[in-house]
Protein backbone atom coordinates (compact mmCIF):
# COMPACT_ATOMS: atom_id res chain seq x y z
CA HIS A 1 5.02 24.02 10.01
CA ILE A 2 7.92 24.53 7.61
CA TYR A 3 7.96 25.69 4.01
CA ASN A 4 9.72 23.22 1.70
CA THR A 5 11.50 25.25 -0.97
CA THR A 6 12.01 22.19 -3.21
CA TYR A 7 8.31 21.30 -3.26
CA LYS A 8 7.14 24.93 -2.89
CA HIS A 9 4.65 23.91 -0.22
CA PRO A 10 4.24 23.98 3.60
CA PHE A 11 4.62 20.72 5.56
CA ARG A 12 3.91 19.55 9.10
CA TYR A 13 5.52 16.68 10.98
CA GLU A 14 3.33 13.72 12.05
CA GLY A 15 5.75 10.84 12.43
CA ASN A 16 6.85 11.83 8.93
CA TRP A 17 6.35 15.03 6.93
CA MET A 18 2.89 15.67 5.48
CA PRO A 19 1.80 18.50 3.16
CA VAL A 20 -0.53 21.11 4.61
CA GLY A 21 -3.55 21.32 2.33
CA MET A 22 -3.68 20.74 -1.42
CA PRO A 23 -0.44 21.26 -3.39
CA ASP A 24 -0.37 23.72 -6.26
CA PRO A 25 -1.34 21.48 -9.24
CA ARG A 26 1.61 22.85 -11.19
CA TYR A 27 3.96 21.16 -8.74
CA GLY A 28 2.14 18.25 -7.10
CA PHE A 29 -1.02 16.34 -6.18
CA LEU A 30 -2.93 15.01 -3.19
CA LEU A 31 -5.23 11.96 -3.29
CA TYR A 32 -7.41 10.83 -0.41
CA ASP A 33 -10.26 8.37 -0.07
CA GLU A 34 -12.35 7.43 2.99
CA PHE A 35 -14.29 4.80 1.00
CA LEU A 36 -17.70 6.16 1.90
CA THR A 37 -19.21 4.15 -0.95
CA PHE A 38 -18.52 0.68 -2.27
CA ALA A 39 -16.64 0.69 -5.60
CA PRO A 40 -15.64 4.38 -5.31
CA THR A 41 -14.88 6.25 -8.51
CA GLY A 42 -11.43 5.53 -9.93
CA TRP A 43 -10.96 2.20 -8.11
CA THR A 44 -11.56 -1.41 -9.14
CA GLN A 45 -12.47 -4.29 -6.82
CA VAL A 46 -11.88 -7.93 -7.67
CA SER A 47 -13.52 -10.90 -5.90
CA SER A 48 -15.24 -10.41 -2.53
CA VAL A 49 -14.92 -6.73 -1.57
CA VAL A 50 -17.79 -5.12 0.32
CA GLY A 51 -18.41 -1.81 2.06
CA THR A 52 -18.73 -1.86 5.85
CA SER A 53 -18.81 0.61 8.71
CA SER A 54 -18.09 0.68 12.42
CA GLN A 55 -16.97 3.13 15.07
CA ASN A 56 -14.10 5.53 14.39
CA GLU A 57 -14.27 5.61 10.60
CA PHE A 58 -16.50 7.08 7.88
CA GLY A 59 -16.36 4.12 5.54
CA GLN A 60 -14.43 0.93 5.14
CA LEU A 61 -13.84 -1.75 2.52
CA LEU A 62 -13.63 -5.40 3.53
CA LEU A 63 -11.38 -7.49 1.28
CA ARG A 64 -12.40 -11.09 1.96
CA GLN A 65 -11.23 -14.29 0.27
CA PRO A 66 -12.28 -17.73 1.62
CA THR A 67 -11.23 -19.74 -1.45
CA ALA A 68 -7.74 -21.22 -1.80
CA LEU A 69 -5.67 -20.07 -4.79
CA ALA A 70 -7.82 -16.95 -5.19
CA ARG A 71 -7.54 -13.28 -4.24
CA ALA A 72 -9.52 -10.20 -3.28
CA LEU A 73 -8.07 -6.82 -4.17
CA HIS A 74 -8.74 -3.09 -4.36
CA THR A 75 -6.72 -1.28 -7.01
CA SER A 76 -6.32 1.95 -8.95
CA PRO A 77 -6.33 1.99 -12.78
CA THR A 78 -3.85 -0.30 -14.53
CA ASN A 79 -0.38 1.16 -15.13
CA GLY A 80 -1.40 4.56 -13.79
CA ILE A 81 1.60 5.12 -11.49
CA PHE A 82 5.13 5.70 -12.80
CA LEU A 83 7.89 6.02 -10.21
CA GLY A 84 10.94 8.04 -11.11
CA VAL A 85 9.25 11.26 -12.22
CA TYR A 86 8.00 12.57 -8.85
CA ASP A 87 8.58 12.18 -5.13
CA MET A 88 5.58 10.47 -3.55
CA TYR A 89 4.23 9.22 -0.22
CA VAL A 90 1.54 6.50 -0.15
CA GLU A 91 -0.32 5.43 2.99
CA TRP A 92 -2.97 2.78 3.62
CA LEU A 93 -4.87 2.58 6.92
CA VAL A 94 -5.80 -1.10 7.22
CA GLU A 95 -7.06 -3.57 9.79
CA THR A 96 -5.97 -7.20 9.90
CA GLY A 97 -8.29 -10.14 10.50
CA VAL A 98 -7.53 -13.54 12.02
CA LEU A 99 -3.87 -14.42 11.54
CA ALA A 100 -2.81 -17.05 9.02
CA THR A 101 -1.97 -20.62 10.05
CA GLY A 102 -0.45 -23.60 8.28
CA ALA A 103 -3.93 -24.95 7.52
CA GLU A 104 -5.59 -21.59 6.84
CA ASP A 105 -2.83 -19.67 5.12
CA TYR A 106 -2.90 -16.39 3.23
CA SER A 107 -0.76 -13.38 2.38
CA LEU A 108 -1.56 -9.69 2.02
CA CYS A 109 0.08 -6.51 0.73
CA ALA A 110 -0.63 -2.78 0.73
CA GLY A 111 1.27 -0.15 -1.20
CA ILE A 112 2.11 0.08 -4.91
CA ASN A 113 1.56 -3.18 -6.76
CA ASP A 114 0.46 -4.41 -10.20
CA ALA A 115 -0.57 -8.00 -9.32
CA GLY A 116 -3.94 -8.84 -10.84
CA ALA A 117 -4.27 -12.62 -10.62
CA TYR A 118 -3.76 -14.76 -7.50
CA VAL A 119 -0.14 -14.74 -6.28
CA SER A 120 0.87 -16.72 -3.18
CA GLY A 121 3.08 -13.89 -1.93
CA SER A 122 0.70 -11.09 -3.03
CA LEU A 123 3.39 -9.39 -5.15
CA GLY A 124 3.22 -8.50 -8.82
CA VAL A 125 5.79 -7.79 -11.53
CA ASP A 126 6.36 -4.22 -10.30
CA SER A 127 5.70 -3.26 -6.69
CA VAL A 128 6.83 -1.43 -3.57
CA ALA A 129 4.68 -2.75 -0.73
CA ILE A 130 4.45 -3.77 2.91
CA CYS A 131 3.32 -7.38 3.18
CA TYR A 132 2.36 -10.18 5.56
CA ASN A 133 3.29 -13.70 4.46
CA ARG A 134 3.34 -16.20 7.32
CA GLY A 135 5.20 -18.83 5.30
CA VAL A 136 8.12 -16.42 4.71
CA ASN A 137 8.45 -14.43 7.96
CA GLY A 138 5.92 -15.80 10.44
CA ASN A 139 3.61 -13.19 11.97
CA PHE A 140 5.85 -10.23 11.13
CA TRP A 141 5.74 -7.55 8.44
CA ILE A 142 7.88 -7.81 5.30
CA LEU A 143 9.19 -4.86 3.25
CA ASN A 144 9.08 -5.70 -0.45
CA ALA A 145 10.18 -4.17 -3.73
CA THR A 146 9.92 -5.83 -7.14
CA ASP A 147 11.38 -4.39 -10.32
CA ASN A 148 10.33 -6.29 -13.45
CA SER A 149 9.86 -9.55 -11.49
CA ALA A 150 13.16 -9.17 -9.57
CA PRO A 151 12.08 -9.15 -5.89
CA VAL A 152 14.01 -7.72 -2.97
CA SER A 153 12.56 -8.22 0.51
CA THR A 154 13.47 -7.45 4.11
CA ASN A 155 11.97 -9.45 6.96
CA THR A 156 11.22 -7.20 9.93
CA SER A 157 10.74 -8.02 13.59
CA ILE A 158 7.60 -5.83 13.69
CA ALA A 159 4.75 -8.14 14.67
CA VAL A 160 1.47 -8.50 12.81
CA ALA A 161 -1.36 -8.85 15.33
CA ALA A 162 -4.89 -10.11 14.67
CA ASN A 163 -7.75 -7.62 14.32
CA THR A 164 -5.42 -4.63 14.63
CA ARG A 165 -5.15 -1.36 12.69
CA TYR A 166 -1.93 -0.33 10.99
CA ARG A 167 -0.77 2.70 9.03
CA LEU A 168 1.36 1.29 6.22
CA GLY A 169 3.32 4.02 4.44
CA ILE A 170 5.87 4.19 1.62
CA MET A 171 7.94 7.26 0.76
CA TYR A 172 9.62 7.25 -2.65
CA LYS A 173 12.25 9.91 -3.38
CA THR A 174 13.56 10.30 -6.92
CA GLY A 175 17.08 8.93 -7.15
CA ALA A 176 17.15 7.80 -3.51
CA GLY A 177 14.81 4.78 -3.42
CA ALA A 178 11.98 4.14 -0.99
CA GLU A 179 11.44 4.18 2.77
CA TYR A 180 8.81 2.11 4.59
CA PHE A 181 6.80 3.31 7.59
CA ILE A 182 4.62 1.24 9.94
CA ASN A 183 2.43 3.36 12.23
CA GLY A 184 4.56 6.39 11.37
CA VAL A 185 7.85 4.75 12.38
CA LEU A 186 10.60 4.12 9.83
CA ALA A 187 10.82 0.35 9.34
CA GLY A 188 13.45 0.12 6.58
CA ALA A 189 14.46 1.25 3.11
CA VAL A 190 15.27 -0.04 -0.36
CA ALA A 191 17.71 1.32 -2.95
CA GLU A 192 16.66 3.11 -6.12
CA ALA A 193 18.03 0.22 -8.19
CA ASP A 194 15.42 -2.12 -6.70
CA VAL A 195 12.41 0.16 -7.36
CA PRO A 196 10.39 -0.26 -10.61
CA ILE A 197 11.39 3.02 -12.27
CA GLY A 198 9.36 4.07 -15.30
CA ARG A 199 7.23 0.92 -15.25
CA GLY A 200 3.47 1.29 -14.95
CA THR A 201 1.98 0.02 -11.69
CA GLN A 202 -0.94 0.73 -9.36
CA PHE A 203 -2.00 1.75 -5.85
CA GLN A 204 -3.27 -1.52 -4.42
CA ALA A 205 -4.32 -3.45 -1.31
CA ARG A 206 -4.93 -7.19 -1.61
CA VAL A 207 -5.29 -10.50 0.20
CA ASP A 208 -4.37 -13.84 -1.42
CA LYS A 209 -5.75 -17.08 0.08
CA ILE A 210 -3.15 -19.87 -0.07
CA LEU A 211 -4.72 -22.82 1.81
CA GLY A 212 -7.99 -23.64 3.57
CA ASN A 213 -11.57 -22.41 3.20
CA ASN A 214 -11.99 -19.94 6.08
CA ASN A 215 -12.17 -16.19 5.46
CA ALA A 216 -8.92 -14.30 4.96
CA ASP A 217 -9.76 -10.65 5.63
CA LEU A 218 -8.20 -7.23 5.21
CA ARG A 219 -10.20 -4.11 6.05
CA VAL A 220 -9.21 -0.88 4.28
CA ASP A 221 -10.22 2.24 6.19
CA SER A 222 -8.56 4.98 4.14
CA PHE A 223 -5.98 5.72 1.45
CA MET A 224 -3.75 8.75 0.92
CA ALA A 225 -1.05 9.67 -1.58
CA TRP A 226 0.73 12.94 -2.14
CA GLY A 227 3.44 13.71 -4.67
CA PHE A 228 5.57 16.52 -6.04
CA PHE A 229 6.97 16.66 -9.56
CA ASN A 230 10.65 17.25 -10.37
CA GLY A 231 9.61 20.45 -12.14
CA PRO A 232 6.40 22.35 -12.99
CA ARG A 233 4.17 20.42 -15.37
CA PHE A 234 2.75 23.57 -17.00
């Protein structure tokens, strides 16, 4: 463990630095959800989202969309997240389903995103997210940032496999932009100028069905976010 004098809190290293325990509420926050119940407090589900369970997790949400030009999503309250006023790390533990094809196509994203309606690329007006969009980068992850509908994306060579779990993490540092982590490994970064600073957005995981009528699935096992303010809030 080390004590971070900027955040006034101890951290441990697990692929990236994680706070030890709950931050002092004067300086930061810690959010965590295992999704033990369907429609947990503080979240909103749209379209086909159901609670499931299997080995190795407490609870799980299944985001499923079989209908073309429609979406299934799990999101925090509208415009509740404002980047630029605190450093923050967001992580989604997800499991993919069957991969997309030309006839049964879909996209998905997990991270920070304000898309509500169906969007073929799963991105909203303001977002910082890790995405899968077969039509753009085949079966590989994409690192996305969108500031007021101005998207910046990086195609990675990190493969998306069917029916596989991934830890998708985003670290935002005030003034320095955002870093993307896949299974704890740094996958890329985006500049501060490309991040939606001061614009309300949400924590969100979603799947958007583009073509076909077979199920497009994304299982959400857990969510975590921690953040530290630039100064004490009281």
